[in-house]
Amino acid sequence: MVTISEMPIDPATTYQQLEKGCSGSIVFHYASVKEQNNPEKRTTGIEYKSAGDTEAELTEIAVDLKNRWKLEDVLLTRRIGKLGIGDIISLVAASSPNSEDAFEACKYGISCMKKMSTIIKNEMYA
């Protein structure tokens, strides 16, 4: 499943969204907004905008993950809008019968989401 949302990502409910009946391993990765340690500019947040078919790009990533590893399910969620320090930017989750596939798929999914061409990032400074 893939989602794009202006609403906060709720870790308590994301577990329920993932198919896991045949999985012995479930890996979740939440990316969050961090403050940059630049003495000249202090990050107050980041604004993310969708520029193109973000849902299609997320779907491509999900299909790629399922083709590369033995997975029961994949969940990719991407926030758009203005996010503050500590807010969750994105979620990559993978469920699999084995831990190696779940971890590797999640790690690769994180890498792919960082390179998305349909997401524009604009850092906000104090």
PDB file of N, CA and C in Angstrom:
ATOM      1  N   MET A   1       0.848  -1.174   0.000  1.00  0.00           N
ATOM      2  CA  MET A   1       0.000   0.000   0.000  1.00  0.00           C
ATOM      3  C   MET A   1       0.895   1.240   0.000  1.00  0.00           C
ATOM      4  N   VAL A   2       0.488   2.253  -0.711  1.00  0.00           N
ATOM      5  CA  VAL A   2       1.193   3.532  -0.714  1.00  0.00           C
ATOM      6  C   VAL A   2       0.200   4.636  -0.369  1.00  0.00           C
ATOM      7  N   THR A   3       0.695   5.631   0.379  1.00  0.00           N
ATOM      8  CA  THR A   3      -0.149   6.778   0.722  1.00  0.00           C
ATOM      9  C   THR A   3       0.686   8.050   0.712  1.00  0.00           C
ATOM     10  N   ILE A   4       0.007   9.137   0.387  1.00  0.00           N
ATOM     11  CA  ILE A   4       0.573  10.476   0.465  1.00  0.00           C
ATOM     12  C   ILE A   4      -0.391  11.254   1.340  1.00  0.00           C
ATOM     13  N   SER A   5       0.146  11.955   2.336  1.00  0.00           N
ATOM     14  CA  SER A   5      -0.759  12.579   3.284  1.00  0.00           C
ATOM     15  C   SER A   5      -0.229  13.911   3.788  1.00  0.00           C
ATOM     16  N   GLU A   6      -1.147  14.832   4.014  1.00  0.00           N
ATOM     17  CA  GLU A   6      -0.812  16.067   4.712  1.00  0.00           C
ATOM     18  C   GLU A   6      -1.009  15.897   6.215  1.00  0.00           C
ATOM     19  N   MET A   7      -1.615  14.791   6.600  1.00  0.00           N
ATOM     20  CA  MET A   7      -1.862  14.504   8.017  1.00  0.00           C
ATOM     21  C   MET A   7      -0.661  13.777   8.612  1.00  0.00           C
ATOM     22  N   PRO A   8      -0.417  13.949   9.910  1.00  0.00           N
ATOM     23  CA  PRO A   8       0.702  13.245  10.554  1.00  0.00           C
ATOM     24  C   PRO A   8       0.586  11.731  10.404  1.00  0.00           C
ATOM     25  N   ILE A   9       1.748  11.082  10.320  1.00  0.00           N
ATOM     26  CA  ILE A   9       1.819   9.626  10.265  1.00  0.00           C
ATOM     27  C   ILE A   9       1.762   9.124  11.699  1.00  0.00           C
ATOM     28  N   ASP A  10       0.819   8.251  11.989  1.00  0.00           N
ATOM     29  CA  ASP A  10       0.612   7.746  13.349  1.00  0.00           C
ATOM     30  C   ASP A  10       1.225   6.353  13.494  1.00  0.00           C
ATOM     31  N   PRO A  11       2.359   6.253  14.202  1.00  0.00           N
ATOM     32  CA  PRO A  11       2.988   4.935  14.369  1.00  0.00           C
ATOM     33  C   PRO A  11       2.070   3.888  14.986  1.00  0.00           C
ATOM     34  N   ALA A  12       1.151   4.296  15.822  1.00  0.00           N
ATOM     35  CA  ALA A  12       0.262   3.338  16.489  1.00  0.00           C
ATOM     36  C   ALA A  12      -0.689   2.652  15.501  1.00  0.00           C
ATOM     37  N   THR A  13      -1.049   3.337  14.422  1.00  0.00           N
ATOM     38  CA  THR A  13      -1.996   2.738  13.478  1.00  0.00           C
ATOM     39  C   THR A  13      -1.328   2.095  12.264  1.00  0.00           C
ATOM     40  N   THR A  14      -0.067   2.443  11.989  1.00  0.00           N
ATOM     41  CA  THR A  14       0.572   1.892  10.798  1.00  0.00           C
ATOM     42  C   THR A  14       0.756   0.380  10.878  1.00  0.00           C
ATOM     43  N   TYR A  15       0.983  -0.148  12.047  1.00  0.00           N
ATOM     44  CA  TYR A  15       1.138  -1.598  12.200  1.00  0.00           C
ATOM     45  C   TYR A  15      -0.119  -2.331  11.731  1.00  0.00           C
ATOM     46  N   GLN A  16      -1.263  -1.754  12.010  1.00  0.00           N
ATOM     47  CA  GLN A  16      -2.538  -2.383  11.634  1.00  0.00           C
ATOM     48  C   GLN A  16      -2.764  -2.378  10.122  1.00  0.00           C
ATOM     49  N   GLN A  17      -2.105  -1.495   9.399  1.00  0.00           N
ATOM     50  CA  GLN A  17      -2.302  -1.376   7.955  1.00  0.00           C
ATOM     51  C   GLN A  17      -1.527  -2.421   7.162  1.00  0.00           C
ATOM     52  N   LEU A  18      -0.584  -3.100   7.775  1.00  0.00           N
ATOM     53  CA  LEU A  18       0.317  -4.002   7.074  1.00  0.00           C
ATOM     54  C   LEU A  18      -0.159  -5.444   7.161  1.00  0.00           C
ATOM     55  N   GLU A  19      -0.177  -6.132   6.008  1.00  0.00           N
ATOM     56  CA  GLU A  19      -0.479  -7.569   5.987  1.00  0.00           C
ATOM     57  C   GLU A  19       0.678  -8.300   6.658  1.00  0.00           C
ATOM     58  N   LYS A  20       0.377  -9.195   7.591  1.00  0.00           N
ATOM     59  CA  LYS A  20       1.440  -9.841   8.340  1.00  0.00           C
ATOM     60  C   LYS A  20       1.107 -11.249   8.804  1.00  0.00           C
ATOM     61  N   GLY A  21       0.064 -11.859   8.277  1.00  0.00           N
ATOM     62  CA  GLY A  21      -0.363 -13.177   8.713  1.00  0.00           C
ATOM     63  C   GLY A  21       0.664 -14.276   8.495  1.00  0.00           C
ATOM     64  N   CYS A  22       1.469 -14.159   7.446  1.00  0.00           N
ATOM     65  CA  CYS A  22       2.484 -15.174   7.126  1.00  0.00           C
ATOM     66  C   CYS A  22       3.894 -14.673   7.399  1.00  0.00           C
ATOM     67  N   SER A  23       4.002 -13.575   8.119  1.00  0.00           N
ATOM     68  CA  SER A  23       5.315 -12.959   8.318  1.00  0.00           C
ATOM     69  C   SER A  23       5.832 -13.173   9.732  1.00  0.00           C
ATOM     70  N   GLY A  24       7.103 -13.541   9.797  1.00  0.00           N
ATOM     71  CA  GLY A  24       7.772 -13.666  11.086  1.00  0.00           C
ATOM     72  C   GLY A  24       8.624 -12.455  11.396  1.00  0.00           C
ATOM     73  N   SER A  25       8.743 -11.535  10.420  1.00  0.00           N
ATOM     74  CA  SER A  25       9.551 -10.338  10.604  1.00  0.00           C
ATOM     75  C   SER A  25       8.838  -9.144   9.986  1.00  0.00           C
ATOM     76  N   ILE A  26       8.761  -8.080  10.760  1.00  0.00           N
ATOM     77  CA  ILE A  26       8.152  -6.843  10.289  1.00  0.00           C
ATOM     78  C   ILE A  26       9.091  -5.708  10.666  1.00  0.00           C
ATOM     79  N   VAL A  27       9.526  -4.943   9.666  1.00  0.00           N
ATOM     80  CA  VAL A  27      10.472  -3.856   9.892  1.00  0.00           C
ATOM     81  C   VAL A  27       9.810  -2.534   9.506  1.00  0.00           C
ATOM     82  N   PHE A  28       9.910  -1.563  10.396  1.00  0.00           N
ATOM     83  CA  PHE A  28       9.389  -0.215  10.158  1.00  0.00           C
ATOM     84  C   PHE A  28      10.533   0.782  10.244  1.00  0.00           C
ATOM     85  N   HIS A  29      10.544   1.745   9.336  1.00  0.00           N
ATOM     86  CA  HIS A  29      11.493   2.856   9.428  1.00  0.00           C
ATOM     87  C   HIS A  29      10.727   4.154   9.237  1.00  0.00           C
ATOM     88  N   TYR A  30      10.846   5.022  10.231  1.00  0.00           N
ATOM     89  CA  TYR A  30      10.232   6.340  10.169  1.00  0.00           C
ATOM     90  C   TYR A  30      11.348   7.368  10.009  1.00  0.00           C
ATOM     91  N   ALA A  31      11.294   8.168   8.962  1.00  0.00           N
ATOM     92  CA  ALA A  31      12.233   9.279   8.801  1.00  0.00           C
ATOM     93  C   ALA A  31      11.603  10.504   9.438  1.00  0.00           C
ATOM     94  N   SER A  32      12.416  11.297  10.115  1.00  0.00           N
ATOM     95  CA  SER A  32      11.871  12.480  10.788  1.00  0.00           C
ATOM     96  C   SER A  32      12.705  13.717  10.472  1.00  0.00           C
ATOM     97  N   VAL A  33      12.080  14.865  10.645  1.00  0.00           N
ATOM     98  CA  VAL A  33      12.743  16.143  10.416  1.00  0.00           C
ATOM     99  C   VAL A  33      13.725  16.378  11.554  1.00  0.00           C
ATOM    100  N   LYS A  34      14.974  16.677  11.177  1.00  0.00           N
ATOM    101  CA  LYS A  34      15.982  16.945  12.200  1.00  0.00           C
ATOM    102  C   LYS A  34      16.496  18.368  12.052  1.00  0.00           C
ATOM    103  N   GLU A  35      16.943  18.922  13.145  1.00  0.00           N
ATOM    104  CA  GLU A  35      17.539  20.252  13.121  1.00  0.00           C
ATOM    105  C   GLU A  35      18.958  20.135  12.592  1.00  0.00           C
ATOM    106  N   GLN A  36      19.303  20.993  11.656  1.00  0.00           N
ATOM    107  CA  GLN A  36      20.660  21.012  11.120  1.00  0.00           C
ATOM    108  C   GLN A  36      21.558  21.788  12.076  1.00  0.00           C
ATOM    109  N   ASN A  37      22.737  21.281  12.296  1.00  0.00           N
ATOM    110  CA  ASN A  37      23.690  21.935  13.202  1.00  0.00           C
ATOM    111  C   ASN A  37      24.581  22.905  12.431  1.00  0.00           C
ATOM    112  N   ASN A  38      23.974  23.906  11.856  1.00  0.00           N
ATOM    113  CA  ASN A  38      24.681  24.933  11.115  1.00  0.00           C
ATOM    114  C   ASN A  38      24.577  26.221  11.920  1.00  0.00           C
ATOM    115  N   PRO A  39      25.700  26.763  12.405  1.00  0.00           N
ATOM    116  CA  PRO A  39      25.625  27.965  13.247  1.00  0.00           C
ATOM    117  C   PRO A  39      25.056  29.186  12.535  1.00  0.00           C
ATOM    118  N   GLU A  40      25.115  29.208  11.205  1.00  0.00           N
ATOM    119  CA  GLU A  40      24.611  30.362  10.456  1.00  0.00           C
ATOM    120  C   GLU A  40      23.116  30.267  10.158  1.00  0.00           C
ATOM    121  N   LYS A  41      22.594  29.027  10.072  1.00  0.00           N
ATOM    122  CA  LYS A  41      21.174  28.820   9.765  1.00  0.00           C
ATOM    123  C   LYS A  41      20.631  27.729  10.675  1.00  0.00           C
ATOM    124  N   ARG A  42      19.559  28.044  11.400  1.00  0.00           N
ATOM    125  CA  ARG A  42      18.918  27.044  12.253  1.00  0.00           C
ATOM    126  C   ARG A  42      17.630  26.589  11.584  1.00  0.00           C
ATOM    127  N   THR A  43      17.557  25.278  11.303  1.00  0.00           N
ATOM    128  CA  THR A  43      16.379  24.711  10.660  1.00  0.00           C
ATOM    129  C   THR A  43      15.196  24.747  11.627  1.00  0.00           C
ATOM    130  N   THR A  44      14.063  25.229  11.145  1.00  0.00           N
ATOM    131  CA  THR A  44      12.843  25.207  11.954  1.00  0.00           C
ATOM    132  C   THR A  44      11.853  24.182  11.421  1.00  0.00           C
ATOM    133  N   GLY A  45      12.098  23.703  10.208  1.00  0.00           N
ATOM    134  CA  GLY A  45      11.210  22.718   9.608  1.00  0.00           C
ATOM    135  C   GLY A  45      11.511  22.554   8.139  1.00  0.00           C
ATOM    136  N   ILE A  46      10.697  21.742   7.494  1.00  0.00           N
ATOM    137  CA  ILE A  46      10.841  21.491   6.063  1.00  0.00           C
ATOM    138  C   ILE A  46       9.452  21.453   5.448  1.00  0.00           C
ATOM    139  N   GLU A  47       9.336  22.040   4.263  1.00  0.00           N
ATOM    140  CA  GLU A  47       8.094  21.927   3.513  1.00  0.00           C
ATOM    141  C   GLU A  47       8.332  20.993   2.333  1.00  0.00           C
ATOM    142  N   TYR A  48       7.455  19.993   2.211  1.00  0.00           N
ATOM    143  CA  TYR A  48       7.526  19.038   1.103  1.00  0.00           C
ATOM    144  C   TYR A  48       6.315  19.249   0.212  1.00  0.00           C
ATOM    145  N   LYS A  49       6.576  19.291  -1.099  1.00  0.00           N
ATOM    146  CA  LYS A  49       5.503  19.426  -2.079  1.00  0.00           C
ATOM    147  C   LYS A  49       5.583  18.276  -3.072  1.00  0.00           C
ATOM    148  N   SER A  50       4.428  17.869  -3.543  1.00  0.00           N
ATOM    149  CA  SER A  50       4.349  16.860  -4.595  1.00  0.00           C
ATOM    150  C   SER A  50       4.373  17.583  -5.938  1.00  0.00           C
ATOM    151  N   ALA A  51       5.298  17.167  -6.792  1.00  0.00           N
ATOM    152  CA  ALA A  51       5.426  17.779  -8.115  1.00  0.00           C
ATOM    153  C   ALA A  51       5.411  16.676  -9.157  1.00  0.00           C
ATOM    154  N   GLY A  52       4.228  16.216  -9.462  1.00  0.00           N
ATOM    155  CA  GLY A  52       4.100  15.113 -10.399  1.00  0.00           C
ATOM    156  C   GLY A  52       3.282  14.000  -9.783  1.00  0.00           C
ATOM    157  N   ASP A  53       3.406  12.821 -10.344  1.00  0.00           N
ATOM    158  CA  ASP A  53       2.620  11.677  -9.895  1.00  0.00           C
ATOM    159  C   ASP A  53       3.365  10.920  -8.795  1.00  0.00           C
ATOM    160  N   THR A  54       3.311  11.467  -7.598  1.00  0.00           N
ATOM    161  CA  THR A  54       4.003  10.881  -6.450  1.00  0.00           C
ATOM    162  C   THR A  54       3.462   9.499  -6.125  1.00  0.00           C
ATOM    163  N   GLU A  55       2.165   9.308  -6.265  1.00  0.00           N
ATOM    164  CA  GLU A  55       1.579   7.995  -5.980  1.00  0.00           C
ATOM    165  C   GLU A  55       2.145   6.926  -6.929  1.00  0.00           C
ATOM    166  N   ALA A  56       2.289   7.268  -8.192  1.00  0.00           N
ATOM    167  CA  ALA A  56       2.851   6.316  -9.165  1.00  0.00           C
ATOM    168  C   ALA A  56       4.308   6.003  -8.829  1.00  0.00           C
ATOM    169  N   GLU A  57       5.056   7.013  -8.423  1.00  0.00           N
ATOM    170  CA  GLU A  57       6.459   6.782  -8.068  1.00  0.00           C
ATOM    171  C   GLU A  57       6.568   5.883  -6.834  1.00  0.00           C
ATOM    172  N   LEU A  58       5.734   6.116  -5.841  1.00  0.00           N
ATOM    173  CA  LEU A  58       5.710   5.250  -4.658  1.00  0.00           C
ATOM    174  C   LEU A  58       5.304   3.824  -5.028  1.00  0.00           C
ATOM    175  N   THR A  59       4.338   3.703  -5.905  1.00  0.00           N
ATOM    176  CA  THR A  59       3.891   2.377  -6.351  1.00  0.00           C
ATOM    177  C   THR A  59       5.024   1.635  -7.049  1.00  0.00           C
ATOM    178  N   GLU A  60       5.782   2.339  -7.882  1.00  0.00           N
ATOM    179  CA  GLU A  60       6.938   1.719  -8.547  1.00  0.00           C
ATOM    180  C   GLU A  60       7.936   1.187  -7.527  1.00  0.00           C
ATOM    181  N   ILE A  61       8.196   1.963  -6.491  1.00  0.00           N
ATOM    182  CA  ILE A  61       9.125   1.533  -5.444  1.00  0.00           C
ATOM    183  C   ILE A  61       8.588   0.284  -4.751  1.00  0.00           C
ATOM    184  N   ALA A  62       7.303   0.295  -4.409  1.00  0.00           N
ATOM    185  CA  ALA A  62       6.692  -0.852  -3.722  1.00  0.00           C
ATOM    186  C   ALA A  62       6.772  -2.112  -4.582  1.00  0.00           C
ATOM    187  N   VAL A  63       6.467  -1.992  -5.863  1.00  0.00           N
ATOM    188  CA  VAL A  63       6.531  -3.147  -6.776  1.00  0.00           C
ATOM    189  C   VAL A  63       7.968  -3.652  -6.872  1.00  0.00           C
ATOM    190  N   ASP A  64       8.917  -2.734  -6.970  1.00  0.00           N
ATOM    191  CA  ASP A  64      10.327  -3.114  -7.042  1.00  0.00           C
ATOM    192  C   ASP A  64      10.745  -3.892  -5.791  1.00  0.00           C
ATOM    193  N   LEU A  65      10.334  -3.423  -4.628  1.00  0.00           N
ATOM    194  CA  LEU A  65      10.667  -4.117  -3.378  1.00  0.00           C
ATOM    195  C   LEU A  65      10.103  -5.537  -3.374  1.00  0.00           C
ATOM    196  N   LYS A  66       8.856  -5.670  -3.786  1.00  0.00           N
ATOM    197  CA  LYS A  66       8.224  -6.995  -3.804  1.00  0.00           C
ATOM    198  C   LYS A  66       8.873  -7.928  -4.827  1.00  0.00           C
ATOM    199  N   ASN A  67       9.412  -7.365  -5.906  1.00  0.00           N
ATOM    200  CA  ASN A  67      10.085  -8.190  -6.908  1.00  0.00           C
ATOM    201  C   ASN A  67      11.481  -8.625  -6.471  1.00  0.00           C
ATOM    202  N   ARG A  68      12.130  -7.828  -5.648  1.00  0.00           N
ATOM    203  CA  ARG A  68      13.501  -8.119  -5.238  1.00  0.00           C
ATOM    204  C   ARG A  68      13.584  -9.055  -4.030  1.00  0.00           C
ATOM    205  N   TRP A  69      12.613  -8.972  -3.127  1.00  0.00           N
ATOM    206  CA  TRP A  69      12.667  -9.744  -1.887  1.00  0.00           C
ATOM    207  C   TRP A  69      11.365 -10.511  -1.671  1.00  0.00           C
ATOM    208  N   LYS A  70      11.446 -11.527  -0.849  1.00  0.00           N
ATOM    209  CA  LYS A  70      10.265 -12.318  -0.497  1.00  0.00           C
ATOM    210  C   LYS A  70       9.521 -11.575   0.617  1.00  0.00           C
ATOM    211  N   LEU A  71       8.480 -10.859   0.213  1.00  0.00           N
ATOM    212  CA  LEU A  71       7.728 -10.020   1.141  1.00  0.00           C
ATOM    213  C   LEU A  71       6.255 -10.378   1.098  1.00  0.00           C
ATOM    214  N   GLU A  72       5.630 -10.304   2.250  1.00  0.00           N
ATOM    215  CA  GLU A  72       4.180 -10.451   2.291  1.00  0.00           C
ATOM    216  C   GLU A  72       3.517  -9.117   1.941  1.00  0.00           C
ATOM    217  N   ASP A  73       4.103  -8.023   2.452  1.00  0.00           N
ATOM    218  CA  ASP A  73       3.496  -6.721   2.206  1.00  0.00           C
ATOM    219  C   ASP A  73       4.543  -5.623   2.331  1.00  0.00           C
ATOM    220  N   VAL A  74       4.223  -4.478   1.717  1.00  0.00           N
ATOM    221  CA  VAL A  74       5.031  -3.267   1.794  1.00  0.00           C
ATOM    222  C   VAL A  74       4.082  -2.109   2.064  1.00  0.00           C
ATOM    223  N   LEU A  75       4.505  -1.197   2.916  1.00  0.00           N
ATOM    224  CA  LEU A  75       3.742   0.015   3.189  1.00  0.00           C
ATOM    225  C   LEU A  75       4.688   1.202   3.043  1.00  0.00           C
ATOM    226  N   LEU A  76       4.355   2.108   2.128  1.00  0.00           N
ATOM    227  CA  LEU A  76       5.136   3.324   1.923  1.00  0.00           C
ATOM    228  C   LEU A  76       4.216   4.515   2.130  1.00  0.00           C
ATOM    229  N   THR A  77       4.609   5.419   3.012  1.00  0.00           N
ATOM    230  CA  THR A  77       3.817   6.609   3.279  1.00  0.00           C
ATOM    231  C   THR A  77       4.731   7.816   3.191  1.00  0.00           C
ATOM    232  N   ARG A  78       4.251   8.849   2.547  1.00  0.00           N
ATOM    233  CA  ARG A  78       5.031  10.067   2.361  1.00  0.00           C
ATOM    234  C   ARG A  78       4.202  11.267   2.776  1.00  0.00           C
ATOM    235  N   ARG A  79       4.757  12.119   3.640  1.00  0.00           N
ATOM    236  CA  ARG A  79       4.080  13.354   4.044  1.00  0.00           C
ATOM    237  C   ARG A  79       4.377  14.460   3.059  1.00  0.00           C
ATOM    238  N   ILE A  80       3.426  15.348   2.894  1.00  0.00           N
ATOM    239  CA  ILE A  80       3.639  16.600   2.185  1.00  0.00           C
ATOM    240  C   ILE A  80       3.117  17.712   3.079  1.00  0.00           C
ATOM    241  N   GLY A  81       3.555  18.929   2.817  1.00  0.00           N
ATOM    242  CA  GLY A  81       3.162  20.066   3.635  1.00  0.00           C
ATOM    243  C   GLY A  81       4.315  20.528   4.508  1.00  0.00           C
ATOM    244  N   LYS A  82       4.000  21.420   5.460  1.00  0.00           N
ATOM    245  CA  LYS A  82       5.025  21.964   6.358  1.00  0.00           C
ATOM    246  C   LYS A  82       5.165  21.071   7.582  1.00  0.00           C
ATOM    247  N   LEU A  83       6.384  20.620   7.830  1.00  0.00           N
ATOM    248  CA  LEU A  83       6.674  19.733   8.954  1.00  0.00           C
ATOM    249  C   LEU A  83       7.694  20.395   9.867  1.00  0.00           C
ATOM    250  N   GLY A  84       7.499  20.218  11.163  1.00  0.00           N
ATOM    251  CA  GLY A  84       8.418  20.778  12.145  1.00  0.00           C
ATOM    252  C   GLY A  84       9.454  19.765  12.595  1.00  0.00           C
ATOM    253  N   ILE A  85      10.411  20.229  13.364  1.00  0.00           N
ATOM    254  CA  ILE A  85      11.448  19.363  13.915  1.00  0.00           C
ATOM    255  C   ILE A  85      10.783  18.220  14.676  1.00  0.00           C
ATOM    256  N   GLY A  86      11.198  16.995  14.380  1.00  0.00           N
ATOM    257  CA  GLY A  86      10.649  15.811  15.045  1.00  0.00           C
ATOM    258  C   GLY A  86       9.456  15.190  14.352  1.00  0.00           C
ATOM    259  N   ASP A  87       8.835  15.897  13.411  1.00  0.00           N
ATOM    260  CA  ASP A  87       7.699  15.316  12.689  1.00  0.00           C
ATOM    261  C   ASP A  87       8.170  14.180  11.785  1.00  0.00           C
ATOM    262  N   ILE A  88       7.310  13.195  11.588  1.00  0.00           N
ATOM    263  CA  ILE A  88       7.630  12.065  10.718  1.00  0.00           C
ATOM    264  C   ILE A  88       7.413  12.480   9.266  1.00  0.00           C
ATOM    265  N   ILE A  89       8.460  12.278   8.460  1.00  0.00           N
ATOM    266  CA  ILE A  89       8.430  12.627   7.039  1.00  0.00           C
ATOM    267  C   ILE A  89       7.861  11.479   6.210  1.00  0.00           C
ATOM    268  N   SER A  90       8.339  10.271   6.508  1.00  0.00           N
ATOM    269  CA  SER A  90       7.953   9.126   5.691  1.00  0.00           C
ATOM    270  C   SER A  90       8.056   7.838   6.488  1.00  0.00           C
ATOM    271  N   LEU A  91       7.427   6.812   5.928  1.00  0.00           N
ATOM    272  CA  LEU A  91       7.455   5.478   6.511  1.00  0.00           C
ATOM    273  C   LEU A  91       7.742   4.474   5.409  1.00  0.00           C
ATOM    274  N   VAL A  92       8.666   3.575   5.707  1.00  0.00           N
ATOM    275  CA  VAL A  92       8.888   2.395   4.872  1.00  0.00           C
ATOM    276  C   VAL A  92       8.706   1.208   5.805  1.00  0.00           C
ATOM    277  N   ALA A  93       7.785   0.313   5.456  1.00  0.00           N
ATOM    278  CA  ALA A  93       7.556  -0.883   6.266  1.00  0.00           C
ATOM    279  C   ALA A  93       7.496  -2.096   5.351  1.00  0.00           C
ATOM    280  N   ALA A  94       8.064  -3.193   5.830  1.00  0.00           N
ATOM    281  CA  ALA A  94       8.063  -4.438   5.068  1.00  0.00           C
ATOM    282  C   ALA A  94       7.795  -5.600   6.003  1.00  0.00           C
ATOM    283  N   SER A  95       6.915  -6.506   5.567  1.00  0.00           N
ATOM    284  CA  SER A  95       6.675  -7.734   6.321  1.00  0.00           C
ATOM    285  C   SER A  95       7.105  -8.906   5.452  1.00  0.00           C
ATOM    286  N   SER A  96       7.738  -9.890   6.095  1.00  0.00           N
ATOM    287  CA  SER A  96       8.300 -11.015   5.362  1.00  0.00           C
ATOM    288  C   SER A  96       8.356 -12.248   6.267  1.00  0.00           C
ATOM    289  N   PRO A  97       8.361 -13.431   5.668  1.00  0.00           N
ATOM    290  CA  PRO A  97       8.556 -14.639   6.466  1.00  0.00           C
ATOM    291  C   PRO A  97       9.930 -14.676   7.138  1.00  0.00           C
ATOM    292  N   ASN A  98      10.909 -13.896   6.617  1.00  0.00           N
ATOM    293  CA  ASN A  98      12.241 -13.928   7.232  1.00  0.00           C
ATOM    294  C   ASN A  98      12.781 -12.513   7.433  1.00  0.00           C
ATOM    295  N   SER A  99      13.635 -12.358   8.405  1.00  0.00           N
ATOM    296  CA  SER A  99      14.125 -11.031   8.780  1.00  0.00           C
ATOM    297  C   SER A  99      15.059 -10.420   7.744  1.00  0.00           C
ATOM    298  N   GLU A 100      15.894 -11.234   7.098  1.00  0.00           N
ATOM    299  CA  GLU A 100      16.838 -10.676   6.132  1.00  0.00           C
ATOM    300  C   GLU A 100      16.115  -9.941   5.008  1.00  0.00           C
ATOM    301  N   ASP A 101      15.086 -10.546   4.451  1.00  0.00           N
ATOM    302  CA  ASP A 101      14.343  -9.891   3.376  1.00  0.00           C
ATOM    303  C   ASP A 101      13.646  -8.626   3.867  1.00  0.00           C
ATOM    304  N   ALA A 102      13.054  -8.672   5.052  1.00  0.00           N
ATOM    305  CA  ALA A 102      12.360  -7.496   5.591  1.00  0.00           C
ATOM    306  C   ALA A 102      13.335  -6.343   5.800  1.00  0.00           C
ATOM    307  N   PHE A 103      14.493  -6.616   6.404  1.00  0.00           N
ATOM    308  CA  PHE A 103      15.475  -5.563   6.654  1.00  0.00           C
ATOM    309  C   PHE A 103      16.049  -5.004   5.355  1.00  0.00           C
ATOM    310  N   GLU A 104      16.435  -5.870   4.435  1.00  0.00           N
ATOM    311  CA  GLU A 104      17.029  -5.418   3.174  1.00  0.00           C
ATOM    312  C   GLU A 104      16.024  -4.620   2.345  1.00  0.00           C
ATOM    313  N   ALA A 105      14.789  -5.071   2.292  1.00  0.00           N
ATOM    314  CA  ALA A 105      13.757  -4.345   1.540  1.00  0.00           C
ATOM    315  C   ALA A 105      13.524  -2.967   2.151  1.00  0.00           C
ATOM    316  N   CYS A 106      13.467  -2.907   3.460  1.00  0.00           N
ATOM    317  CA  CYS A 106      13.244  -1.637   4.147  1.00  0.00           C
ATOM    318  C   CYS A 106      14.413  -0.684   3.878  1.00  0.00           C
ATOM    319  N   LYS A 107      15.625  -1.192   3.983  1.00  0.00           N
ATOM    320  CA  LYS A 107      16.815  -0.372   3.745  1.00  0.00           C
ATOM    321  C   LYS A 107      16.824   0.171   2.312  1.00  0.00           C
ATOM    322  N   TYR A 108      16.519  -0.662   1.358  1.00  0.00           N
ATOM    323  CA  TYR A 108      16.486  -0.241  -0.048  1.00  0.00           C
ATOM    324  C   TYR A 108      15.334   0.751  -0.285  1.00  0.00           C
ATOM    325  N   GLY A 109      14.198   0.507   0.330  1.00  0.00           N
ATOM    326  CA  GLY A 109      13.059   1.415   0.198  1.00  0.00           C
ATOM    327  C   GLY A 109      13.371   2.804   0.723  1.00  0.00           C
ATOM    328  N   ILE A 110      14.104   2.880   1.822  1.00  0.00           N
ATOM    329  CA  ILE A 110      14.519   4.172   2.377  1.00  0.00           C
ATOM    330  C   ILE A 110      15.372   4.915   1.349  1.00  0.00           C
ATOM    331  N   SER A 111      16.321   4.206   0.777  1.00  0.00           N
ATOM    332  CA  SER A 111      17.209   4.804  -0.226  1.00  0.00           C
ATOM    333  C   SER A 111      16.412   5.334  -1.417  1.00  0.00           C
ATOM    334  N   CYS A 112      15.447   4.567  -1.879  1.00  0.00           N
ATOM    335  CA  CYS A 112      14.622   4.989  -3.021  1.00  0.00           C
ATOM    336  C   CYS A 112      13.772   6.207  -2.677  1.00  0.00           C
ATOM    337  N   MET A 113      13.213   6.232  -1.486  1.00  0.00           N
ATOM    338  CA  MET A 113      12.346   7.362  -1.117  1.00  0.00           C
ATOM    339  C   MET A 113      13.143   8.662  -0.986  1.00  0.00           C
ATOM    340  N   LYS A 114      14.411   8.569  -0.587  1.00  0.00           N
ATOM    341  CA  LYS A 114      15.254   9.761  -0.489  1.00  0.00           C
ATOM    342  C   LYS A 114      15.504  10.377  -1.867  1.00  0.00           C
ATOM    343  N   LYS A 115      15.433   9.577  -2.922  1.00  0.00           N
ATOM    344  CA  LYS A 115      15.750  10.026  -4.274  1.00  0.00           C
ATOM    345  C   LYS A 115      14.510  10.337  -5.117  1.00  0.00           C
ATOM    346  N   MET A 116      13.335  10.391  -4.501  1.00  0.00           N
ATOM    347  CA  MET A 116      12.110  10.585  -5.277  1.00  0.00           C
ATOM    348  C   MET A 116      12.148  11.881  -6.089  1.00  0.00           C
ATOM    349  N   SER A 117      11.821  11.772  -7.357  1.00  0.00           N
ATOM    350  CA  SER A 117      11.847  12.935  -8.246  1.00  0.00           C
ATOM    351  C   SER A 117      10.571  13.769  -8.158  1.00  0.00           C
ATOM    352  N   THR A 118       9.510  13.219  -7.587  1.00  0.00           N
ATOM    353  CA  THR A 118       8.244  13.957  -7.525  1.00  0.00           C
ATOM    354  C   THR A 118       8.040  14.683  -6.195  1.00  0.00           C
ATOM    355  N   ILE A 119       9.051  14.700  -5.352  1.00  0.00           N
ATOM    356  CA  ILE A 119       8.966  15.414  -4.078  1.00  0.00           C
ATOM    357  C   ILE A 119       9.960  16.567  -4.087  1.00  0.00           C
ATOM    358  N   ILE A 120       9.461  17.771  -3.792  1.00  0.00           N
ATOM    359  CA  ILE A 120      10.305  18.958  -3.695  1.00  0.00           C
ATOM    360  C   ILE A 120      10.442  19.301  -2.214  1.00  0.00           C
ATOM    361  N   LYS A 121      11.685  19.478  -1.789  1.00  0.00           N
ATOM    362  CA  LYS A 121      12.013  19.764  -0.396  1.00  0.00           C
ATOM    363  C   LYS A 121      12.474  21.206  -0.278  1.00  0.00           C
ATOM    364  N   ASN A 122      11.886  21.937   0.683  1.00  0.00           N
ATOM    365  CA  ASN A 122      12.274  23.311   0.935  1.00  0.00           C
ATOM    366  C   ASN A 122      12.493  23.480   2.439  1.00  0.00           C
ATOM    367  N   GLU A 123      13.759  23.634   2.838  1.00  0.00           N
ATOM    368  CA  GLU A 123      14.042  23.804   4.262  1.00  0.00           C
ATOM    369  C   GLU A 123      13.646  25.194   4.714  1.00  0.00           C
ATOM    370  N   MET A 124      13.124  25.272   5.935  1.00  0.00           N
ATOM    371  CA  MET A 124      12.727  26.556   6.524  1.00  0.00           C
ATOM    372  C   MET A 124      13.707  26.860   7.646  1.00  0.00           C
ATOM    373  N   TYR A 125      14.124  28.131   7.717  1.00  0.00           N
ATOM    374  CA  TYR A 125      15.126  28.541   8.686  1.00  0.00           C
ATOM    375  C   TYR A 125      14.586  29.642   9.592  1.00  0.00           C
ATOM    376  N   ALA A 126      15.173  29.744  10.780  1.00  0.00           N
ATOM    377  CA  ALA A 126      14.774  30.773  11.751  1.00  0.00           C
ATOM    378  C   ALA A 126      15.236  32.142  11.268  1.00  0.00           C
TER     379      ALA A 126
END
